[in-house]
Protein backbone atom coordinates (compact mmCIF):
# COMPACT_ATOMS: atom_id res chain seq x y z
CA UNK A 1 -13.09 144.48 109.57
CA UNK A 2 -16.62 143.12 109.15
CA UNK A 3 -19.30 144.03 111.69
CA UNK A 4 -22.73 142.37 111.60
CA UNK A 5 -25.85 143.79 113.25
CA UNK A 6 -28.86 141.71 114.32
CA UNK A 7 -32.39 142.81 115.14
CA UNK A 8 -31.50 146.40 114.35
CA UNK A 9 -33.81 149.30 115.03
CA UNK A 10 -33.48 153.04 114.66
CA UNK A 11 -31.36 153.52 117.80
CA UNK A 12 -29.74 150.17 118.60
CA UNK A 13 -29.27 146.53 117.61
CA UNK A 14 -30.02 143.61 119.92
CA UNK A 15 -26.61 142.13 119.03
CA UNK A 16 -23.56 143.28 117.11
CA UNK A 17 -20.82 140.81 116.10
CA UNK A 18 -17.22 141.52 115.18
CA UNK A 19 -14.30 139.06 114.99
CA UNK A 20 -16.23 136.33 116.81
CA UNK A 21 -17.25 138.63 119.68
CA UNK A 22 -20.95 139.19 120.39
CA UNK A 23 -22.06 142.46 121.95
CA UNK A 24 -25.53 142.18 123.47
CA UNK A 25 -27.53 145.32 124.17
CA UNK A 26 -28.85 146.05 127.63
CA UNK A 27 -31.90 144.13 128.81
CA UNK A 28 -34.29 144.34 131.74
CA UNK A 29 -36.67 141.64 132.92
CA UNK A 30 -40.14 142.08 131.47
CA UNK A 31 -41.87 141.68 134.83
CA UNK A 32 -42.11 144.99 136.66
CA UNK A 33 -42.70 144.67 140.37
CA UNK A 34 -41.03 141.28 140.84
CA UNK A 35 -38.28 140.97 143.46
CA UNK A 36 -34.71 141.57 142.38
CA UNK A 37 -34.06 137.82 142.66
CA UNK A 38 -37.06 137.02 140.42
CA UNK A 39 -35.99 139.64 137.91
CA UNK A 40 -32.45 138.22 137.94
CA UNK A 41 -33.66 134.65 137.35
CA UNK A 42 -35.89 135.76 134.49
CA UNK A 43 -33.29 137.97 132.84
CA UNK A 44 -30.51 135.40 133.09
CA UNK A 45 -32.82 132.78 131.56
CA UNK A 46 -33.57 135.25 128.74
CA UNK A 47 -29.86 135.74 128.15
CA UNK A 48 -29.41 131.98 127.90
CA UNK A 49 -32.04 131.94 125.15
CA UNK A 50 -30.22 134.75 123.35
CA UNK A 51 -26.89 132.97 123.78
CA UNK A 52 -28.30 129.86 122.11
CA UNK A 53 -29.81 131.93 119.32
CA UNK A 54 -26.52 133.70 118.59
CA UNK A 55 -24.05 130.83 119.05
CA UNK A 56 -22.56 131.31 122.50
CA UNK A 57 -23.17 130.27 126.10
CA UNK A 58 -22.35 131.44 129.60
CA UNK A 59 -19.00 129.61 129.49
CA UNK A 60 -17.91 132.12 126.84
CA UNK A 61 -18.77 135.32 128.71
CA UNK A 62 -16.14 138.03 128.52
CA UNK A 63 -17.76 140.96 130.27
CA UNK A 64 -21.00 141.87 132.06
CA UNK A 65 -22.13 145.42 132.80
CA UNK A 66 -24.92 145.89 135.33
CA UNK A 67 -26.77 149.13 136.00
CA UNK A 68 -28.61 148.77 139.32
CA UNK A 69 -31.21 151.15 140.74
CA UNK A 70 -29.75 151.00 144.27
CA UNK A 71 -26.26 149.68 144.95
CA UNK A 72 -27.51 148.34 148.29
CA UNK A 73 -29.52 145.74 146.31
CA UNK A 74 -26.45 144.11 144.77
CA UNK A 75 -26.38 141.32 147.37
CA UNK A 76 -29.86 140.19 146.28
CA UNK A 77 -28.79 140.21 142.65
CA UNK A 78 -25.61 138.28 143.47
CA UNK A 79 -27.64 135.53 145.20
CA UNK A 80 -28.89 134.53 141.75
CA UNK A 81 -26.03 135.75 139.54
CA UNK A 82 -23.33 133.86 141.46
CA UNK A 83 -25.24 130.57 141.10
CA UNK A 84 -25.69 131.21 137.37
CA UNK A 85 -22.02 131.88 136.57
CA UNK A 86 -19.94 128.86 135.59
CA UNK A 87 -17.36 128.23 138.37
CA UNK A 88 -13.90 129.32 137.28
CA UNK A 89 -15.29 131.28 134.32
CA UNK A 90 -16.59 134.46 135.91
CA UNK A 91 -16.45 137.30 133.37
CA UNK A 92 -15.05 140.75 134.00
CA UNK A 93 -17.90 142.69 135.61
CA UNK A 94 -18.92 146.24 136.34
CA UNK A 95 -21.91 147.06 138.55
CA UNK A 96 -22.88 150.71 138.99
CA UNK A 97 -25.83 152.52 140.45
CA UNK A 98 -27.95 154.22 137.79
CA UNK A 99 -31.43 155.54 137.23
CA UNK A 100 -33.48 152.60 135.92
CA UNK A 101 -37.10 152.81 134.69
CA UNK A 102 -39.56 152.45 137.57
CA UNK A 103 -40.46 148.86 138.44
CA UNK A 104 -37.10 147.46 137.37
CA UNK A 105 -34.12 146.87 139.65
CA UNK A 106 -31.36 146.52 137.06
CA UNK A 107 -30.34 146.43 133.43
CA UNK A 108 -27.59 144.18 132.15
CA UNK A 109 -25.50 144.07 128.98
CA UNK A 110 -23.14 141.28 128.02
CA UNK A 111 -20.14 140.66 125.78
CA UNK A 112 -19.40 137.04 124.87
CA UNK A 113 -17.24 135.08 122.45
CA UNK A 114 -18.81 132.76 119.92
CA UNK A 115 -18.48 129.06 120.68
CA UNK A 116 -15.91 127.22 118.57
């Protein structure tokens, strides 16, 4: 089975691809101190750029994993996330509380299928 790695560094790759499935590493928004809604908008826009670059889109999401600094903030994240998701095509999702670098509210990683 062939596995391809993109934008690889010493400890991780930005994307790994196997059998038409794209595994995106975790990302945070680059703007520390913004509200959770602002960080969500920025990060989801960044993922759309990555999706275009790697041949997928949000209609092909399989799974989303979210690490959030305080589980009580999930409603603010969902305000933006739920508008971003394509109706009827919500991916499997996990959202857990975790220690996130100061100034960030959450980190998100995504698995998506390539577009046909």
